[in-house]
Amino acid sequence: MRLTKTFAALADQNRQKILDILKQKEMSVSDIGAKLDITLATLSHHLDILKRNELVASRRQGQQILYSLNLSVMEELEKEIIKFFHK
């Protein structure tokens, strides 16, 4: 079930781009938005989906919320995919 939800979250091209951007470093919404051709409202929606699926983590720093890849979940996902194909 988790794989299904995670794959659904990863199916969107904008969310894939967000994850690719966050591979570089932790970033604010405005920093991420500067690299994409979508509105901040759309970006926030995509970040919410990624966050609910635990693919990204967030933390507050002053007035900003910084987003980063949740590497532990990415590693778990990698193991689940390998396990799925080796059944």
Protein backbone atom coordinates (compact mmCIF):
# COMPACT_ATOMS: atom_id res chain seq x y z
CA MET A 1 0.00 0.00 0.00
CA ARG A 2 2.79 2.43 0.85
CA LEU A 3 4.48 1.80 -2.49
CA THR A 4 1.24 2.60 -4.30
CA LYS A 5 0.86 5.94 -2.50
CA THR A 6 4.53 6.77 -2.97
CA PHE A 7 4.44 5.95 -6.67
CA ALA A 8 1.33 8.12 -7.04
CA ALA A 9 3.18 10.99 -5.38
CA LEU A 10 6.18 10.45 -7.64
CA ALA A 11 4.08 10.15 -10.82
CA ASP A 12 3.78 13.91 -11.26
CA GLN A 13 6.53 15.55 -13.29
CA ASN A 14 6.56 18.71 -11.14
CA ARG A 15 7.04 16.66 -7.98
CA GLN A 16 9.91 14.81 -9.65
CA LYS A 17 11.50 18.17 -10.49
CA ILE A 18 11.06 19.35 -6.88
CA LEU A 19 12.83 16.24 -5.57
CA ASP A 20 15.59 16.71 -8.13
CA ILE A 21 16.05 20.32 -7.00
CA LEU A 22 16.13 19.29 -3.34
CA LYS A 23 18.93 16.80 -4.06
CA GLN A 24 21.22 19.84 -4.21
CA LYS A 25 20.42 21.26 -0.78
CA GLU A 26 17.71 22.34 1.64
CA MET A 27 15.66 25.21 0.15
CA SER A 28 12.80 27.58 0.88
CA VAL A 29 9.61 27.62 -1.16
CA SER A 30 10.72 30.79 -2.94
CA ASP A 31 14.11 29.25 -3.81
CA ILE A 32 12.43 26.14 -5.21
CA GLY A 33 9.83 28.25 -7.02
CA ALA A 34 12.56 30.28 -8.73
CA LYS A 35 13.70 27.08 -10.45
CA LEU A 36 10.25 25.99 -11.66
CA ASP A 37 7.67 27.43 -14.02
CA ILE A 38 4.67 27.01 -11.68
CA THR A 39 2.83 29.30 -9.27
CA LEU A 40 3.73 29.33 -5.59
CA ALA A 41 0.24 27.99 -4.81
CA THR A 42 0.82 25.02 -7.12
CA LEU A 43 4.28 24.51 -5.63
CA SER A 44 2.83 24.51 -2.11
CA HIS A 45 0.27 21.91 -3.19
CA HIS A 46 3.01 19.65 -4.57
CA LEU A 47 5.18 20.12 -1.49
CA ASP A 48 2.20 19.18 0.69
CA ILE A 49 1.74 15.93 -1.23
CA LEU A 50 5.45 15.13 -0.98
CA LYS A 51 5.42 15.96 2.73
CA ARG A 52 2.32 13.82 3.44
CA ASN A 53 4.09 10.93 1.72
CA GLU A 54 7.19 11.65 3.81
CA LEU A 55 9.37 12.21 0.74
CA VAL A 56 10.36 15.67 1.96
CA ALA A 57 10.86 17.11 5.41
CA SER A 58 10.37 20.70 6.48
CA ARG A 59 11.61 22.91 9.26
CA ARG A 60 11.01 26.51 10.20
CA GLN A 61 13.87 28.98 10.20
CA GLY A 62 12.60 32.40 11.19
CA GLN A 63 9.87 33.38 8.74
CA GLN A 64 10.82 30.72 6.20
CA ILE A 65 10.02 27.04 5.94
CA LEU A 66 12.92 25.07 4.53
CA TYR A 67 12.38 21.81 2.66
CA SER A 68 14.79 18.92 2.21
CA LEU A 69 14.72 15.35 0.95
CA ASN A 70 13.78 12.79 3.57
CA LEU A 71 16.69 10.49 2.82
CA SER A 72 15.68 7.78 5.28
CA VAL A 73 12.35 7.34 3.50
CA MET A 74 14.13 7.34 0.13
CA GLU A 75 16.38 4.55 1.38
CA GLU A 76 13.36 2.59 2.66
CA LEU A 77 11.65 3.08 -0.70
CA GLU A 78 14.71 1.81 -2.51
CA LYS A 79 14.73 -1.34 -0.34
CA GLU A 80 10.99 -1.89 -0.90
CA ILE A 81 11.38 -1.60 -4.67
CA ILE A 82 14.27 -4.07 -4.69
CA LYS A 83 12.29 -6.43 -2.47
CA PHE A 84 9.23 -6.10 -4.74
CA PHE A 85 11.18 -7.13 -7.83
CA HIS A 86 12.97 -10.01 -6.12
CA LYS A 87 9.84 -11.85 -5.01
